[in-house]
């Protein structure tokens, strides 16, 4: 599930740049803040490079990024591997016809949308987000892509929170996580 922490020194540097903010946005949540990672150009580049190294030879034609932090990591990965970037947005942010997928969160529900025609049947897709918690958002993203006929190759996240068992929501699809939450 996660990158080999013992073999690549970049992993420790990335993890050390992720700030943990207790009780944000509400009591009991240990918020994993990636903004501190983005402030370190080397750690940010290493993050992208680790994903690119993993996916450059997997014939991926679509990188789908989940709003909003998937928009930070997805486009540079897509450019580096020669794939298109498809934004998966919150409701009513995309003009034109869209696929919609509702999903449950630990504190309510939400919805993702994707343009109809953004993905073609048979394309190989990678789903990118900053974090996997309960897995509902990644599952919704996978459902959108699969409804369009794409094959979801893997989901990729910078941070994983294994205690929340989000991987179980992915119906056996592979998950690649760079670091686990502290």
N, C-alpha and C. Protein backbone atom coordinates (compact mmCIF):
# COMPACT_ATOMS: atom_id res chain seq x y z
N UNK A 1 0.82 -1.19 0.00
CA UNK A 1 0.00 0.00 0.00
C UNK A 1 0.86 1.26 0.00
N UNK A 2 1.88 1.34 0.81
CA UNK A 2 2.66 2.57 0.87
C UNK A 2 4.04 2.36 0.27
N UNK A 3 4.68 3.48 -0.04
CA UNK A 3 6.03 3.44 -0.59
C UNK A 3 6.97 2.82 0.43
N UNK A 4 8.05 2.25 -0.06
CA UNK A 4 9.00 1.59 0.84
C UNK A 4 9.78 2.65 1.62
N UNK A 5 9.37 2.86 2.85
CA UNK A 5 9.93 3.93 3.67
C UNK A 5 11.41 3.72 3.97
N UNK A 6 11.86 2.49 4.06
CA UNK A 6 13.24 2.22 4.46
C UNK A 6 14.23 2.41 3.31
N UNK A 7 13.77 2.36 2.07
CA UNK A 7 14.70 2.37 0.96
C UNK A 7 14.87 3.72 0.27
N UNK A 8 13.95 4.63 0.43
CA UNK A 8 14.04 5.90 -0.27
C UNK A 8 14.03 7.05 0.74
N UNK A 9 15.14 7.77 0.85
CA UNK A 9 15.22 8.86 1.84
C UNK A 9 14.25 9.99 1.57
N UNK A 10 13.72 10.07 0.35
CA UNK A 10 12.76 11.13 0.04
C UNK A 10 11.48 10.98 0.85
N UNK A 11 11.11 9.76 1.16
CA UNK A 11 9.87 9.52 1.90
C UNK A 11 9.91 10.20 3.26
N UNK A 12 10.98 10.02 3.98
CA UNK A 12 11.10 10.65 5.31
C UNK A 12 11.03 12.17 5.20
N UNK A 13 11.71 12.73 4.19
CA UNK A 13 11.69 14.18 4.01
C UNK A 13 10.28 14.69 3.72
N UNK A 14 9.54 13.95 2.89
CA UNK A 14 8.16 14.32 2.58
C UNK A 14 7.31 14.27 3.84
N UNK A 15 7.41 13.17 4.58
CA UNK A 15 6.60 13.03 5.79
C UNK A 15 6.91 14.13 6.81
N UNK A 16 8.16 14.50 6.90
CA UNK A 16 8.55 15.53 7.88
C UNK A 16 8.01 16.90 7.50
N UNK A 17 7.60 17.09 6.25
CA UNK A 17 7.07 18.39 5.80
C UNK A 17 5.55 18.48 5.93
N UNK A 18 4.90 17.41 6.31
CA UNK A 18 3.44 17.43 6.48
C UNK A 18 3.13 17.77 7.94
N UNK A 19 2.47 18.90 8.11
CA UNK A 19 2.13 19.37 9.45
C UNK A 19 0.84 18.70 9.91
N UNK A 20 0.83 18.25 11.15
CA UNK A 20 -0.38 17.67 11.74
C UNK A 20 -0.98 18.72 12.67
N UNK A 21 -2.24 19.07 12.41
CA UNK A 21 -2.93 20.11 13.19
C UNK A 21 -4.04 19.44 14.00
N UNK A 22 -3.85 19.32 15.32
CA UNK A 22 -4.87 18.68 16.15
C UNK A 22 -6.17 19.49 16.20
N UNK A 23 -7.27 18.75 16.25
CA UNK A 23 -8.61 19.33 16.46
C UNK A 23 -8.99 20.34 15.38
N UNK A 24 -8.62 20.04 14.15
CA UNK A 24 -9.01 20.89 13.03
C UNK A 24 -9.53 20.01 11.91
N UNK A 25 -10.65 20.28 11.31
CA UNK A 25 -11.51 21.43 11.51
C UNK A 25 -12.49 21.30 12.66
N UNK A 26 -12.45 20.15 13.35
CA UNK A 26 -13.33 19.99 14.52
C UNK A 26 -12.63 19.11 15.54
N UNK A 27 -13.09 19.11 16.77
CA UNK A 27 -12.43 18.32 17.82
C UNK A 27 -12.30 16.83 17.43
N UNK A 28 -11.13 16.28 17.74
CA UNK A 28 -10.87 14.86 17.48
C UNK A 28 -10.22 14.57 16.14
N UNK A 29 -10.20 15.55 15.23
CA UNK A 29 -9.59 15.36 13.91
C UNK A 29 -8.12 15.78 13.99
N UNK A 30 -7.25 14.93 13.45
CA UNK A 30 -5.82 15.27 13.32
C UNK A 30 -5.59 15.61 11.84
N UNK A 31 -5.73 16.89 11.52
CA UNK A 31 -5.67 17.35 10.14
C UNK A 31 -4.26 17.22 9.58
N UNK A 32 -4.15 16.60 8.41
CA UNK A 32 -2.87 16.41 7.72
C UNK A 32 -2.71 17.56 6.73
N UNK A 33 -1.90 18.54 7.07
CA UNK A 33 -1.77 19.78 6.31
C UNK A 33 -0.63 19.68 5.30
N UNK A 34 -0.98 19.63 4.01
CA UNK A 34 0.03 19.53 2.96
C UNK A 34 0.60 20.88 2.55
N UNK A 35 0.03 21.97 3.05
CA UNK A 35 0.54 23.28 2.63
C UNK A 35 2.00 23.45 3.04
N UNK A 36 2.40 22.86 4.13
CA UNK A 36 3.80 22.96 4.55
C UNK A 36 4.71 22.14 3.62
N UNK A 37 4.20 21.07 3.04
CA UNK A 37 4.94 20.31 2.03
C UNK A 37 5.14 21.16 0.78
N UNK A 38 4.12 21.89 0.40
CA UNK A 38 4.18 22.71 -0.82
C UNK A 38 5.16 23.88 -0.67
N UNK A 39 5.43 24.28 0.55
CA UNK A 39 6.37 25.38 0.80
C UNK A 39 7.82 24.97 0.63
N UNK A 40 8.06 23.67 0.54
CA UNK A 40 9.42 23.16 0.37
C UNK A 40 9.55 22.63 -1.06
N UNK A 41 10.16 23.40 -1.97
CA UNK A 41 10.21 22.97 -3.38
C UNK A 41 10.83 21.60 -3.59
N UNK A 42 11.87 21.27 -2.84
CA UNK A 42 12.50 19.96 -3.01
C UNK A 42 11.57 18.83 -2.59
N UNK A 43 10.92 18.97 -1.44
CA UNK A 43 10.00 17.93 -0.97
C UNK A 43 8.79 17.80 -1.90
N UNK A 44 8.29 18.93 -2.40
CA UNK A 44 7.17 18.90 -3.33
C UNK A 44 7.59 18.19 -4.62
N UNK A 45 8.77 18.55 -5.16
CA UNK A 45 9.27 17.90 -6.37
C UNK A 45 9.50 16.40 -6.14
N UNK A 46 10.05 16.05 -4.99
CA UNK A 46 10.26 14.63 -4.67
C UNK A 46 8.94 13.88 -4.64
N UNK A 47 7.91 14.52 -4.12
CA UNK A 47 6.57 13.90 -4.08
C UNK A 47 6.11 13.57 -5.49
N UNK A 48 6.19 14.56 -6.37
CA UNK A 48 5.77 14.35 -7.76
C UNK A 48 6.66 13.30 -8.42
N UNK A 49 7.97 13.39 -8.21
CA UNK A 49 8.91 12.45 -8.83
C UNK A 49 8.62 11.00 -8.43
N UNK A 50 8.29 10.77 -7.17
CA UNK A 50 8.00 9.40 -6.72
C UNK A 50 6.79 8.83 -7.45
N UNK A 51 5.76 9.66 -7.63
CA UNK A 51 4.59 9.20 -8.37
C UNK A 51 4.95 8.96 -9.84
N UNK A 52 5.68 9.88 -10.44
CA UNK A 52 6.05 9.74 -11.85
C UNK A 52 6.88 8.46 -12.06
N UNK A 53 7.82 8.21 -11.18
CA UNK A 53 8.64 6.99 -11.29
C UNK A 53 7.76 5.74 -11.27
N UNK A 54 6.71 5.78 -10.48
CA UNK A 54 5.83 4.61 -10.38
C UNK A 54 4.95 4.44 -11.62
N UNK A 55 4.49 5.55 -12.21
CA UNK A 55 3.47 5.46 -13.26
C UNK A 55 3.97 5.70 -14.68
N UNK A 56 5.22 6.07 -14.88
CA UNK A 56 5.69 6.46 -16.21
C UNK A 56 5.60 5.34 -17.24
N UNK A 57 5.68 4.09 -16.83
CA UNK A 57 5.65 2.97 -17.77
C UNK A 57 4.39 2.11 -17.64
N UNK A 58 3.31 2.68 -17.16
CA UNK A 58 2.08 1.91 -16.96
C UNK A 58 0.99 2.22 -17.98
N UNK A 59 1.35 2.93 -19.04
CA UNK A 59 0.40 3.23 -20.12
C UNK A 59 -0.88 3.90 -19.63
N UNK A 60 -0.72 4.84 -18.73
CA UNK A 60 -1.87 5.59 -18.21
C UNK A 60 -2.13 6.75 -19.15
N UNK A 61 -3.38 6.89 -19.57
CA UNK A 61 -3.74 7.97 -20.49
C UNK A 61 -4.53 9.09 -19.81
N UNK A 62 -5.03 8.82 -18.59
CA UNK A 62 -5.83 9.80 -17.85
C UNK A 62 -5.34 9.86 -16.42
N UNK A 63 -5.07 11.07 -15.95
CA UNK A 63 -4.86 11.30 -14.52
C UNK A 63 -6.05 12.13 -14.07
N UNK A 64 -6.85 11.57 -13.17
CA UNK A 64 -8.04 12.26 -12.66
C UNK A 64 -7.74 12.75 -11.26
N UNK A 65 -7.83 14.06 -11.08
CA UNK A 65 -7.55 14.67 -9.78
C UNK A 65 -8.83 15.10 -9.10
N UNK A 66 -8.90 14.80 -7.81
CA UNK A 66 -10.08 15.12 -7.01
C UNK A 66 -9.93 16.53 -6.43
N UNK A 67 -10.98 17.32 -6.60
CA UNK A 67 -10.99 18.68 -6.05
C UNK A 67 -10.82 18.65 -4.54
N UNK A 68 -10.00 19.47 -3.98
CA UNK A 68 -9.17 20.48 -4.62
C UNK A 68 -7.71 20.07 -4.61
N UNK A 69 -7.28 19.33 -3.63
CA UNK A 69 -5.84 19.05 -3.52
C UNK A 69 -5.35 18.05 -4.56
N UNK A 70 -6.23 17.27 -5.14
CA UNK A 70 -5.83 16.43 -6.27
C UNK A 70 -5.45 17.26 -7.48
N UNK A 71 -5.90 18.54 -7.50
CA UNK A 71 -5.53 19.45 -8.58
C UNK A 71 -4.09 19.94 -8.42
N UNK A 72 -3.54 19.83 -7.23
CA UNK A 72 -2.15 20.23 -6.99
C UNK A 72 -1.19 19.16 -7.49
N UNK A 73 -1.50 17.91 -7.18
CA UNK A 73 -0.59 16.81 -7.50
C UNK A 73 -0.85 16.18 -8.87
N UNK A 74 -2.09 16.17 -9.31
CA UNK A 74 -2.44 15.50 -10.56
C UNK A 74 -1.85 16.09 -11.82
N UNK A 75 -1.96 17.41 -12.06
CA UNK A 75 -1.43 17.95 -13.33
C UNK A 75 0.06 17.74 -13.56
N UNK A 76 0.94 17.94 -12.57
CA UNK A 76 2.35 17.69 -12.87
C UNK A 76 2.64 16.21 -13.14
N UNK A 77 1.89 15.32 -12.50
CA UNK A 77 2.06 13.89 -12.77
C UNK A 77 1.62 13.60 -14.21
N UNK A 78 0.45 14.13 -14.59
CA UNK A 78 -0.08 13.92 -15.94
C UNK A 78 0.90 14.42 -17.00
N UNK A 79 1.41 15.62 -16.83
CA UNK A 79 2.36 16.17 -17.80
C UNK A 79 3.60 15.29 -17.92
N UNK A 80 4.11 14.85 -16.79
CA UNK A 80 5.36 14.07 -16.80
C UNK A 80 5.20 12.70 -17.43
N UNK A 81 4.01 12.11 -17.35
CA UNK A 81 3.83 10.77 -17.92
C UNK A 81 3.13 10.81 -19.28
N UNK A 82 2.81 12.01 -19.76
CA UNK A 82 2.19 12.14 -21.08
C UNK A 82 0.72 11.80 -21.10
N UNK A 83 0.02 12.06 -20.01
CA UNK A 83 -1.41 11.77 -19.92
C UNK A 83 -2.20 13.07 -19.84
N UNK A 84 -3.49 12.98 -20.14
CA UNK A 84 -4.33 14.16 -19.95
C UNK A 84 -4.76 14.24 -18.49
N UNK A 85 -5.10 15.44 -18.05
CA UNK A 85 -5.59 15.65 -16.69
C UNK A 85 -7.08 15.92 -16.76
N UNK A 86 -7.84 15.17 -15.94
CA UNK A 86 -9.28 15.35 -15.87
C UNK A 86 -9.65 15.76 -14.45
N UNK A 87 -10.22 16.97 -14.29
CA UNK A 87 -10.62 17.40 -12.95
C UNK A 87 -11.95 16.77 -12.54
N UNK A 88 -11.99 16.25 -11.34
CA UNK A 88 -13.23 15.74 -10.75
C UNK A 88 -13.66 16.79 -9.73
N UNK A 89 -14.79 17.46 -10.01
CA UNK A 89 -15.15 18.67 -9.29
C UNK A 89 -16.33 18.48 -8.36
N UNK A 90 -16.45 19.41 -7.44
CA UNK A 90 -17.63 19.50 -6.57
C UNK A 90 -18.81 19.94 -7.45
N UNK A 91 -20.04 19.78 -6.96
CA UNK A 91 -21.23 20.08 -7.78
C UNK A 91 -21.28 21.52 -8.29
N UNK A 92 -21.79 21.62 -9.53
CA UNK A 92 -22.08 22.89 -10.19
C UNK A 92 -20.84 23.75 -10.46
N UNK A 93 -19.69 23.12 -10.62
CA UNK A 93 -18.46 23.85 -10.95
C UNK A 93 -18.06 23.66 -12.41
N UNK A 94 -18.63 22.65 -13.07
CA UNK A 94 -18.31 22.37 -14.47
C UNK A 94 -19.47 22.77 -15.37
N UNK A 95 -19.21 23.53 -16.44
CA UNK A 95 -20.28 23.84 -17.39
C UNK A 95 -20.56 22.62 -18.27
N UNK A 96 -21.73 22.56 -18.83
CA UNK A 96 -22.07 21.47 -19.75
C UNK A 96 -22.55 20.22 -19.03
N UNK A 97 -22.63 19.15 -19.81
CA UNK A 97 -23.15 17.89 -19.29
C UNK A 97 -22.09 17.16 -18.47
N UNK A 98 -22.53 16.58 -17.36
CA UNK A 98 -21.61 15.90 -16.45
C UNK A 98 -22.19 14.58 -15.97
N UNK A 99 -21.27 13.67 -15.61
CA UNK A 99 -21.61 12.52 -14.80
C UNK A 99 -21.58 13.00 -13.36
N UNK A 100 -22.49 12.48 -12.52
CA UNK A 100 -22.50 12.82 -11.10
C UNK A 100 -22.38 11.55 -10.27
N UNK A 101 -21.68 11.65 -9.16
CA UNK A 101 -21.56 10.51 -8.25
C UNK A 101 -21.62 11.03 -6.81
N UNK A 102 -22.69 10.66 -6.12
CA UNK A 102 -22.79 11.02 -4.70
C UNK A 102 -22.06 10.00 -3.87
N UNK A 103 -21.59 10.43 -2.70
CA UNK A 103 -20.89 9.54 -1.79
C UNK A 103 -21.02 10.03 -0.37
N UNK A 104 -20.81 9.10 0.56
CA UNK A 104 -20.91 9.41 1.99
C UNK A 104 -19.55 9.77 2.56
N UNK A 105 -19.57 10.71 3.48
CA UNK A 105 -18.39 11.09 4.25
C UNK A 105 -18.64 10.71 5.70
N UNK A 106 -17.59 10.78 6.52
CA UNK A 106 -17.78 10.46 7.94
C UNK A 106 -18.66 11.49 8.62
N UNK A 107 -18.88 12.65 7.98
CA UNK A 107 -19.66 13.73 8.58
C UNK A 107 -20.80 14.20 7.68
N UNK A 108 -21.22 13.40 6.71
CA UNK A 108 -22.31 13.78 5.82
C UNK A 108 -22.18 13.13 4.47
N UNK A 109 -22.54 13.87 3.41
CA UNK A 109 -22.42 13.35 2.06
C UNK A 109 -21.94 14.47 1.14
N UNK A 110 -21.50 14.08 -0.06
CA UNK A 110 -21.01 15.04 -1.04
C UNK A 110 -21.21 14.44 -2.42
N UNK A 111 -20.72 15.12 -3.42
CA UNK A 111 -20.89 14.69 -4.80
C UNK A 111 -19.67 15.11 -5.62
N UNK A 112 -19.27 14.29 -6.56
CA UNK A 112 -18.24 14.64 -7.54
C UNK A 112 -18.88 14.65 -8.92
N UNK A 113 -18.34 15.50 -9.79
CA UNK A 113 -18.81 15.56 -11.17
C UNK A 113 -17.62 15.53 -12.13
N UNK A 114 -17.88 14.99 -13.33
CA UNK A 114 -16.87 14.92 -14.38
C UNK A 114 -17.58 15.19 -15.70
N UNK A 115 -16.93 15.95 -16.57
CA UNK A 115 -17.51 16.21 -17.89
C UNK A 115 -17.77 14.91 -18.65
N UNK A 116 -18.93 14.82 -19.25
CA UNK A 116 -19.20 13.74 -20.19
C UNK A 116 -18.28 13.96 -21.39
N UNK A 117 -17.59 12.92 -21.82
CA UNK A 117 -16.67 13.01 -22.94
C UNK A 117 -15.23 13.29 -22.55
N UNK A 118 -14.97 13.58 -21.28
CA UNK A 118 -13.59 13.83 -20.84
C UNK A 118 -12.75 12.56 -20.88
N UNK A 119 -13.41 11.43 -20.71
CA UNK A 119 -12.73 10.14 -20.69
C UNK A 119 -13.43 9.23 -21.70
N UNK A 120 -12.65 8.48 -22.45
CA UNK A 120 -13.20 7.56 -23.44
C UNK A 120 -13.11 6.12 -22.95
N UNK A 121 -14.01 5.30 -23.44
CA UNK A 121 -14.01 3.88 -23.09
C UNK A 121 -12.66 3.28 -23.42
N UNK A 122 -12.14 2.48 -22.50
CA UNK A 122 -10.88 1.79 -22.71
C UNK A 122 -9.65 2.55 -22.22
N UNK A 123 -9.80 3.83 -21.86
CA UNK A 123 -8.64 4.56 -21.36
C UNK A 123 -8.24 4.03 -19.99
N UNK A 124 -6.93 4.11 -19.72
CA UNK A 124 -6.37 3.67 -18.44
C UNK A 124 -6.18 4.88 -17.54
N UNK A 125 -6.81 4.84 -16.36
CA UNK A 125 -6.87 6.01 -15.50
C UNK A 125 -6.17 5.80 -14.16
N UNK A 126 -5.60 6.88 -13.68
CA UNK A 126 -5.03 6.98 -12.35
C UNK A 126 -5.82 8.04 -11.60
N UNK A 127 -6.26 7.73 -10.39
CA UNK A 127 -6.97 8.70 -9.55
C UNK A 127 -5.99 9.25 -8.53
N UNK A 128 -5.92 10.58 -8.42
CA UNK A 128 -4.96 11.23 -7.52
C UNK A 128 -5.69 12.14 -6.53
N UNK A 129 -5.29 12.01 -5.26
CA UNK A 129 -5.75 12.93 -4.22
C UNK A 129 -4.63 13.08 -3.20
N UNK A 130 -4.81 14.01 -2.29
CA UNK A 130 -3.75 14.21 -1.29
C UNK A 130 -3.81 13.16 -0.19
N UNK A 131 -5.02 12.65 0.11
CA UNK A 131 -5.18 11.82 1.30
C UNK A 131 -6.30 10.80 1.11
N UNK A 132 -6.12 9.61 1.67
CA UNK A 132 -7.22 8.66 1.77
C UNK A 132 -7.53 8.47 3.25
N UNK A 133 -8.79 8.71 3.58
CA UNK A 133 -9.27 8.49 4.95
C UNK A 133 -10.23 7.30 4.91
N UNK A 134 -11.53 7.57 4.76
CA UNK A 134 -12.51 6.48 4.73
C UNK A 134 -12.66 5.85 3.35
N UNK A 135 -12.14 6.49 2.32
CA UNK A 135 -12.17 5.92 0.97
C UNK A 135 -13.38 6.30 0.14
N UNK A 136 -14.34 7.00 0.71
CA UNK A 136 -15.57 7.33 -0.03
C UNK A 136 -15.33 8.22 -1.23
N UNK A 137 -14.45 9.19 -1.11
CA UNK A 137 -14.18 10.10 -2.22
C UNK A 137 -13.47 9.36 -3.35
N UNK A 138 -12.49 8.54 -3.02
CA UNK A 138 -11.80 7.77 -4.06
C UNK A 138 -12.76 6.79 -4.75
N UNK A 139 -13.62 6.18 -3.98
CA UNK A 139 -14.59 5.23 -4.56
C UNK A 139 -15.51 5.97 -5.53
N UNK A 140 -15.97 7.17 -5.16
CA UNK A 140 -16.82 7.96 -6.05
C UNK A 140 -16.08 8.31 -7.33
N UNK A 141 -14.81 8.69 -7.21
CA UNK A 141 -14.00 9.01 -8.39
C UNK A 141 -13.87 7.79 -9.30
N UNK A 142 -13.60 6.65 -8.72
CA UNK A 142 -13.50 5.42 -9.50
C UNK A 142 -14.81 5.13 -10.23
N UNK A 143 -15.93 5.30 -9.53
CA UNK A 143 -17.24 5.05 -10.15
C UNK A 143 -17.47 5.96 -11.35
N UNK A 144 -17.11 7.25 -11.24
CA UNK A 144 -17.27 8.17 -12.37
C UNK A 144 -16.47 7.69 -13.58
N UNK A 145 -15.21 7.37 -13.36
CA UNK A 145 -14.34 6.94 -14.45
C UNK A 145 -14.82 5.63 -15.07
N UNK A 146 -15.24 4.69 -14.23
CA UNK A 146 -15.70 3.40 -14.74
C UNK A 146 -17.02 3.55 -15.50
N UNK A 147 -17.89 4.45 -15.07
CA UNK A 147 -19.14 4.70 -15.80
C UNK A 147 -18.86 5.23 -17.20
N UNK A 148 -17.74 5.95 -17.36
CA UNK A 148 -17.35 6.47 -18.67
C UNK A 148 -16.62 5.41 -19.50
N UNK A 149 -16.37 4.24 -18.91
CA UNK A 149 -15.72 3.16 -19.64
C UNK A 149 -14.23 3.05 -19.43
N UNK A 150 -13.67 3.86 -18.54
CA UNK A 150 -12.23 3.80 -18.26
C UNK A 150 -11.90 2.63 -17.35
N UNK A 151 -10.67 2.18 -17.44
CA UNK A 151 -10.14 1.18 -16.51
C UNK A 151 -9.32 1.94 -15.47
N UNK A 152 -9.73 1.87 -14.22
CA UNK A 152 -8.96 2.51 -13.15
C UNK A 152 -7.81 1.58 -12.80
N UNK A 153 -6.59 2.04 -13.05
CA UNK A 153 -5.40 1.24 -12.82
C UNK A 153 -5.02 1.25 -11.34
N UNK A 154 -5.09 2.43 -10.73
CA UNK A 154 -4.68 2.56 -9.34
C UNK A 154 -5.16 3.91 -8.81
N UNK A 155 -5.21 4.01 -7.49
CA UNK A 155 -5.43 5.28 -6.81
C UNK A 155 -4.13 5.65 -6.11
N UNK A 156 -3.77 6.94 -6.17
CA UNK A 156 -2.51 7.40 -5.59
C UNK A 156 -2.78 8.57 -4.66
N UNK A 157 -2.26 8.47 -3.44
CA UNK A 157 -2.43 9.53 -2.45
C UNK A 157 -1.09 9.81 -1.77
N UNK A 158 -0.89 11.05 -1.41
CA UNK A 158 0.32 11.40 -0.68
C UNK A 158 0.27 10.80 0.72
N UNK A 159 -0.90 10.88 1.37
CA UNK A 159 -1.06 10.47 2.78
C UNK A 159 -2.16 9.43 2.90
N UNK A 160 -1.93 8.43 3.73
CA UNK A 160 -2.96 7.46 4.07
C UNK A 160 -3.20 7.44 5.57
N UNK A 161 -4.44 7.22 5.95
CA UNK A 161 -4.80 7.06 7.35
C UNK A 161 -5.32 5.63 7.51
N UNK A 162 -4.41 4.67 7.74
CA UNK A 162 -4.81 3.26 7.71
C UNK A 162 -5.87 2.88 8.74
N UNK A 163 -5.91 3.57 9.87
CA UNK A 163 -6.90 3.23 10.90
C UNK A 163 -8.34 3.41 10.42
N UNK A 164 -8.56 4.24 9.41
CA UNK A 164 -9.91 4.48 8.90
C UNK A 164 -10.33 3.49 7.82
N UNK A 165 -9.42 2.61 7.42
CA UNK A 165 -9.72 1.49 6.53
C UNK A 165 -10.31 1.89 5.17
N UNK A 166 -9.84 3.01 4.63
CA UNK A 166 -10.34 3.48 3.34
C UNK A 166 -10.06 2.54 2.19
N UNK A 167 -8.98 1.80 2.26
CA UNK A 167 -8.62 0.86 1.19
C UNK A 167 -9.74 -0.16 0.95
N UNK A 168 -10.48 -0.49 2.00
CA UNK A 168 -11.58 -1.46 1.87
C UNK A 168 -12.69 -0.95 0.94
N UNK A 169 -12.78 0.35 0.74
CA UNK A 169 -13.81 0.92 -0.14
C UNK A 169 -13.44 0.84 -1.62
N UNK A 170 -12.22 0.44 -1.92
CA UNK A 170 -11.73 0.49 -3.30
C UNK A 170 -11.99 -0.78 -4.10
N UNK A 171 -12.75 -1.69 -3.55
CA UNK A 171 -13.15 -2.92 -4.27
C UNK A 171 -11.98 -3.64 -4.91
N UNK A 172 -10.89 -3.74 -4.16
CA UNK A 172 -9.74 -4.51 -4.63
C UNK A 172 -8.79 -3.76 -5.55
N UNK A 173 -9.12 -2.53 -5.91
CA UNK A 173 -8.20 -1.75 -6.76
C UNK A 173 -6.96 -1.39 -5.95
N UNK A 174 -5.81 -1.37 -6.59
CA UNK A 174 -4.58 -1.02 -5.87
C UNK A 174 -4.58 0.43 -5.39
N UNK A 175 -3.95 0.63 -4.25
CA UNK A 175 -3.79 1.95 -3.66
C UNK A 175 -2.31 2.15 -3.38
N UNK A 176 -1.78 3.29 -3.81
CA UNK A 176 -0.38 3.63 -3.55
C UNK A 176 -0.37 4.89 -2.69
N UNK A 177 0.26 4.80 -1.53
CA UNK A 177 0.33 5.91 -0.58
C UNK A 177 1.81 6.15 -0.28
N UNK A 178 2.22 7.42 -0.34
CA UNK A 178 3.62 7.72 -0.04
C UNK A 178 3.92 7.63 1.44
N UNK A 179 3.09 8.23 2.29
CA UNK A 179 3.33 8.23 3.73
C UNK A 179 2.05 7.94 4.48
N UNK A 180 2.19 7.33 5.64
CA UNK A 180 1.03 7.12 6.49
C UNK A 180 0.99 8.19 7.56
N UNK A 181 -0.22 8.53 7.98
CA UNK A 181 -0.41 9.62 8.93
C UNK A 181 0.34 9.35 10.23
N UNK A 182 0.74 10.46 10.84
CA UNK A 182 1.44 10.38 12.13
C UNK A 182 0.49 10.63 13.26
